[in-house]
């Protein structure tokens, strides 16, 4: 999350992944894939697997709404562990 959005007076909201609408869940998956996948260690993880693991672990998602909403995992140790195991298996 950029400091510019926080400085602009927008406070981040934190919700469990499963409480988000299906459209917001897809936006979170896309945002996380863009953050971690381009050349990062999670690049081999397909979107469907991200969605499955996010639904399984139900992490806290922090979001800042605006013209370009920003999302990040506020609490998701289990998610990161499962993603690591997924990469070990593939």
N, C-alpha and C. Protein backbone atom coordinates (compact mmCIF):
# COMPACT_ATOMS: atom_id res chain seq x y z
N UNK A 1 0.85 -1.16 0.00
CA UNK A 1 0.00 0.00 0.00
C UNK A 1 0.90 1.22 0.00
N UNK A 2 0.59 2.18 -0.81
CA UNK A 2 1.43 3.36 -0.88
C UNK A 2 1.09 4.33 0.24
N UNK A 3 2.09 5.09 0.63
CA UNK A 3 1.85 6.07 1.69
C UNK A 3 1.03 7.23 1.17
N UNK A 4 1.02 7.47 -0.14
CA UNK A 4 0.28 8.59 -0.69
C UNK A 4 -1.21 8.47 -0.41
N UNK A 5 -1.77 7.26 -0.49
CA UNK A 5 -3.20 7.09 -0.24
C UNK A 5 -3.53 7.30 1.23
N UNK A 6 -2.62 6.89 2.11
CA UNK A 6 -2.85 7.11 3.53
C UNK A 6 -2.72 8.59 3.84
N UNK A 7 -1.74 9.24 3.23
CA UNK A 7 -1.54 10.67 3.45
C UNK A 7 -2.68 11.49 2.90
N UNK A 8 -3.38 10.98 1.89
CA UNK A 8 -4.49 11.70 1.30
C UNK A 8 -5.72 11.67 2.20
N UNK A 9 -5.62 11.06 3.37
CA UNK A 9 -6.72 11.04 4.31
C UNK A 9 -7.59 9.80 4.22
N UNK A 10 -7.26 8.87 3.36
CA UNK A 10 -8.03 7.64 3.26
C UNK A 10 -7.46 6.63 4.22
N UNK A 11 -8.29 6.17 5.12
CA UNK A 11 -7.83 5.19 6.08
C UNK A 11 -8.11 3.80 5.55
N UNK A 12 -7.16 2.90 5.73
CA UNK A 12 -7.38 1.54 5.23
C UNK A 12 -8.46 0.82 6.03
N UNK A 13 -9.26 0.05 5.32
CA UNK A 13 -10.27 -0.79 5.96
C UNK A 13 -9.73 -2.21 5.99
N UNK A 14 -10.03 -2.93 7.05
CA UNK A 14 -9.56 -4.31 7.18
C UNK A 14 -10.77 -5.22 7.35
N UNK A 15 -10.83 -6.24 6.47
CA UNK A 15 -11.93 -7.22 6.51
C UNK A 15 -11.37 -8.60 6.23
N UNK A 16 -12.09 -9.60 6.69
CA UNK A 16 -11.77 -10.98 6.33
C UNK A 16 -12.10 -11.18 4.86
N UNK A 17 -11.30 -11.98 4.20
CA UNK A 17 -11.46 -12.20 2.76
C UNK A 17 -12.87 -12.69 2.43
N UNK A 18 -13.40 -13.63 3.21
CA UNK A 18 -14.71 -14.21 2.89
C UNK A 18 -15.87 -13.25 3.08
N UNK A 19 -15.66 -12.12 3.77
CA UNK A 19 -16.74 -11.15 3.93
C UNK A 19 -16.82 -10.20 2.74
N UNK A 20 -15.82 -10.23 1.86
CA UNK A 20 -15.83 -9.38 0.68
C UNK A 20 -16.78 -9.93 -0.37
N UNK A 21 -17.30 -9.06 -1.21
CA UNK A 21 -18.16 -9.50 -2.32
C UNK A 21 -17.33 -10.33 -3.30
N UNK A 22 -17.98 -11.16 -4.11
CA UNK A 22 -17.22 -11.93 -5.11
C UNK A 22 -16.38 -11.05 -6.03
N UNK A 23 -16.90 -9.89 -6.41
CA UNK A 23 -16.14 -8.98 -7.26
C UNK A 23 -14.90 -8.45 -6.53
N UNK A 24 -15.06 -8.11 -5.26
CA UNK A 24 -13.92 -7.63 -4.47
C UNK A 24 -12.91 -8.75 -4.26
N UNK A 25 -13.38 -9.99 -4.07
CA UNK A 25 -12.47 -11.12 -3.93
C UNK A 25 -11.61 -11.28 -5.18
N UNK A 26 -12.23 -11.15 -6.35
CA UNK A 26 -11.48 -11.25 -7.60
C UNK A 26 -10.48 -10.11 -7.72
N UNK A 27 -10.86 -8.91 -7.28
CA UNK A 27 -9.95 -7.76 -7.31
C UNK A 27 -8.75 -7.99 -6.39
N UNK A 28 -8.99 -8.60 -5.23
CA UNK A 28 -7.91 -8.90 -4.30
C UNK A 28 -6.96 -9.92 -4.93
N UNK A 29 -7.50 -10.97 -5.54
CA UNK A 29 -6.67 -11.98 -6.20
C UNK A 29 -5.81 -11.32 -7.26
N UNK A 30 -6.41 -10.48 -8.08
CA UNK A 30 -5.67 -9.81 -9.15
C UNK A 30 -4.58 -8.91 -8.57
N UNK A 31 -4.91 -8.16 -7.53
CA UNK A 31 -3.93 -7.26 -6.92
C UNK A 31 -2.76 -8.03 -6.32
N UNK A 32 -3.06 -9.13 -5.62
CA UNK A 32 -1.99 -9.92 -5.02
C UNK A 32 -1.12 -10.58 -6.08
N UNK A 33 -1.74 -11.06 -7.15
CA UNK A 33 -0.96 -11.65 -8.24
C UNK A 33 -0.05 -10.61 -8.88
N UNK A 34 -0.54 -9.39 -9.05
CA UNK A 34 0.29 -8.33 -9.63
C UNK A 34 1.43 -7.95 -8.69
N UNK A 35 1.16 -7.98 -7.38
CA UNK A 35 2.20 -7.63 -6.41
C UNK A 35 3.29 -8.68 -6.34
N UNK A 36 2.91 -9.96 -6.39
CA UNK A 36 3.86 -11.03 -6.11
C UNK A 36 4.25 -11.87 -7.32
N UNK A 37 3.47 -11.85 -8.38
CA UNK A 37 3.70 -12.79 -9.45
C UNK A 37 4.62 -12.36 -10.58
N UNK A 38 4.71 -11.09 -10.94
CA UNK A 38 5.47 -10.78 -12.15
C UNK A 38 6.83 -11.47 -12.23
N UNK A 39 7.63 -11.38 -11.20
CA UNK A 39 8.91 -12.06 -11.20
C UNK A 39 9.23 -12.62 -9.82
N UNK A 40 8.22 -12.67 -9.00
CA UNK A 40 8.43 -13.14 -7.64
C UNK A 40 8.32 -14.63 -7.51
N UNK A 41 8.51 -15.09 -6.30
CA UNK A 41 8.51 -16.53 -6.06
C UNK A 41 7.14 -17.17 -6.24
N UNK A 42 6.05 -16.38 -6.19
CA UNK A 42 4.72 -16.95 -6.34
C UNK A 42 4.23 -16.90 -7.78
N UNK A 43 5.08 -16.56 -8.73
CA UNK A 43 4.65 -16.44 -10.13
C UNK A 43 4.04 -17.72 -10.71
N UNK A 44 4.48 -18.92 -10.30
CA UNK A 44 3.86 -20.12 -10.87
C UNK A 44 2.46 -20.43 -10.33
N UNK A 45 2.00 -19.71 -9.34
CA UNK A 45 0.70 -20.01 -8.72
C UNK A 45 -0.41 -19.39 -9.58
N UNK A 46 -1.30 -20.21 -10.14
CA UNK A 46 -2.39 -19.68 -10.98
C UNK A 46 -3.45 -18.96 -10.14
N UNK A 47 -4.22 -18.10 -10.80
CA UNK A 47 -5.25 -17.31 -10.13
C UNK A 47 -6.25 -18.19 -9.39
N UNK A 48 -6.64 -19.29 -10.00
CA UNK A 48 -7.62 -20.18 -9.35
C UNK A 48 -7.08 -20.73 -8.03
N UNK A 49 -5.78 -21.01 -7.98
CA UNK A 49 -5.19 -21.52 -6.75
C UNK A 49 -5.09 -20.43 -5.69
N UNK A 50 -4.76 -19.20 -6.11
CA UNK A 50 -4.77 -18.08 -5.18
C UNK A 50 -6.15 -17.96 -4.54
N UNK A 51 -7.18 -17.98 -5.37
CA UNK A 51 -8.55 -17.83 -4.88
C UNK A 51 -8.90 -18.96 -3.92
N UNK A 52 -8.56 -20.19 -4.27
CA UNK A 52 -8.84 -21.34 -3.40
C UNK A 52 -8.14 -21.20 -2.05
N UNK A 53 -6.86 -20.80 -2.07
CA UNK A 53 -6.11 -20.66 -0.82
C UNK A 53 -6.61 -19.48 0.01
N UNK A 54 -6.99 -18.40 -0.65
CA UNK A 54 -7.55 -17.26 0.08
C UNK A 54 -8.87 -17.63 0.75
N UNK A 55 -9.70 -18.40 0.06
CA UNK A 55 -10.97 -18.84 0.66
C UNK A 55 -10.73 -19.82 1.79
N UNK A 56 -9.73 -20.66 1.66
CA UNK A 56 -9.42 -21.64 2.69
C UNK A 56 -8.88 -20.98 3.95
N UNK A 57 -8.00 -20.00 3.80
CA UNK A 57 -7.35 -19.39 4.96
C UNK A 57 -8.08 -18.16 5.49
N UNK A 58 -8.91 -17.51 4.68
CA UNK A 58 -9.70 -16.34 5.08
C UNK A 58 -8.85 -15.29 5.82
N UNK A 59 -7.78 -14.78 5.17
CA UNK A 59 -6.92 -13.82 5.85
C UNK A 59 -7.58 -12.45 5.98
N UNK A 60 -7.00 -11.63 6.83
CA UNK A 60 -7.43 -10.23 6.93
C UNK A 60 -6.84 -9.48 5.74
N UNK A 61 -7.71 -8.76 5.02
CA UNK A 61 -7.30 -7.99 3.86
C UNK A 61 -7.46 -6.52 4.18
N UNK A 62 -6.41 -5.77 3.96
CA UNK A 62 -6.45 -4.33 4.18
C UNK A 62 -6.64 -3.67 2.82
N UNK A 63 -7.58 -2.74 2.74
CA UNK A 63 -7.85 -2.09 1.46
C UNK A 63 -7.97 -0.59 1.64
N UNK A 64 -7.56 0.12 0.61
CA UNK A 64 -7.75 1.57 0.53
C UNK A 64 -8.52 1.81 -0.76
N UNK A 65 -9.72 2.33 -0.64
CA UNK A 65 -10.56 2.56 -1.81
C UNK A 65 -10.19 3.89 -2.45
N UNK A 66 -10.39 3.96 -3.72
CA UNK A 66 -10.10 5.16 -4.49
C UNK A 66 -10.20 4.82 -5.96
N UNK A 67 -9.67 5.69 -6.81
CA UNK A 67 -9.71 5.41 -8.24
C UNK A 67 -9.03 4.09 -8.58
N UNK A 68 -7.96 3.78 -7.91
CA UNK A 68 -7.24 2.51 -8.06
C UNK A 68 -7.14 1.87 -6.69
N UNK A 69 -8.14 1.07 -6.29
CA UNK A 69 -8.09 0.46 -4.95
C UNK A 69 -6.82 -0.35 -4.75
N UNK A 70 -6.33 -0.32 -3.53
CA UNK A 70 -5.12 -1.05 -3.18
C UNK A 70 -5.48 -2.10 -2.13
N UNK A 71 -4.90 -3.28 -2.26
CA UNK A 71 -5.16 -4.37 -1.32
C UNK A 71 -3.84 -4.97 -0.87
N UNK A 72 -3.82 -5.43 0.38
CA UNK A 72 -2.69 -6.20 0.87
C UNK A 72 -3.18 -7.11 1.99
N UNK A 73 -2.43 -8.16 2.22
CA UNK A 73 -2.78 -9.11 3.28
C UNK A 73 -2.26 -8.53 4.59
N UNK A 74 -3.18 -8.24 5.51
CA UNK A 74 -2.80 -7.67 6.80
C UNK A 74 -2.37 -8.77 7.78
N UNK A 75 -2.99 -9.92 7.67
CA UNK A 75 -2.65 -11.07 8.52
C UNK A 75 -2.91 -12.32 7.70
N UNK A 76 -1.85 -13.07 7.40
CA UNK A 76 -2.05 -14.23 6.56
C UNK A 76 -0.91 -15.22 6.60
N UNK A 77 -0.39 -15.46 7.79
CA UNK A 77 0.74 -16.39 7.92
C UNK A 77 0.42 -17.76 7.32
N UNK A 78 -0.78 -18.26 7.58
CA UNK A 78 -1.18 -19.56 7.05
C UNK A 78 -1.23 -19.52 5.51
N UNK A 79 -1.71 -18.43 4.94
CA UNK A 79 -1.74 -18.29 3.49
C UNK A 79 -0.34 -18.41 2.91
N UNK A 80 0.63 -17.70 3.49
CA UNK A 80 2.00 -17.74 2.98
C UNK A 80 2.61 -19.14 3.12
N UNK A 81 2.29 -19.82 4.23
CA UNK A 81 2.80 -21.18 4.42
C UNK A 81 2.22 -22.13 3.37
N UNK A 82 0.92 -22.02 3.11
CA UNK A 82 0.29 -22.90 2.12
C UNK A 82 0.79 -22.59 0.71
N UNK A 83 1.02 -21.32 0.40
CA UNK A 83 1.59 -20.98 -0.90
C UNK A 83 2.99 -21.58 -1.05
N UNK A 84 3.76 -21.55 0.02
CA UNK A 84 5.09 -22.16 0.01
C UNK A 84 5.02 -23.65 -0.23
N UNK A 85 4.06 -24.32 0.42
CA UNK A 85 3.89 -25.77 0.23
C UNK A 85 3.41 -26.06 -1.20
N UNK A 86 2.55 -25.21 -1.73
CA UNK A 86 2.09 -25.39 -3.10
C UNK A 86 3.28 -25.36 -4.05
N UNK A 87 4.20 -24.43 -3.83
CA UNK A 87 5.38 -24.32 -4.69
C UNK A 87 6.30 -25.52 -4.51
N UNK A 88 6.37 -26.07 -3.30
CA UNK A 88 7.21 -27.25 -3.06
C UNK A 88 6.69 -28.47 -3.83
N UNK A 89 5.38 -28.54 -3.98
CA UNK A 89 4.75 -29.70 -4.62
C UNK A 89 4.82 -29.59 -6.14
N UNK A 90 4.70 -28.38 -6.66
CA UNK A 90 4.65 -28.22 -8.13
C UNK A 90 6.01 -28.32 -8.76
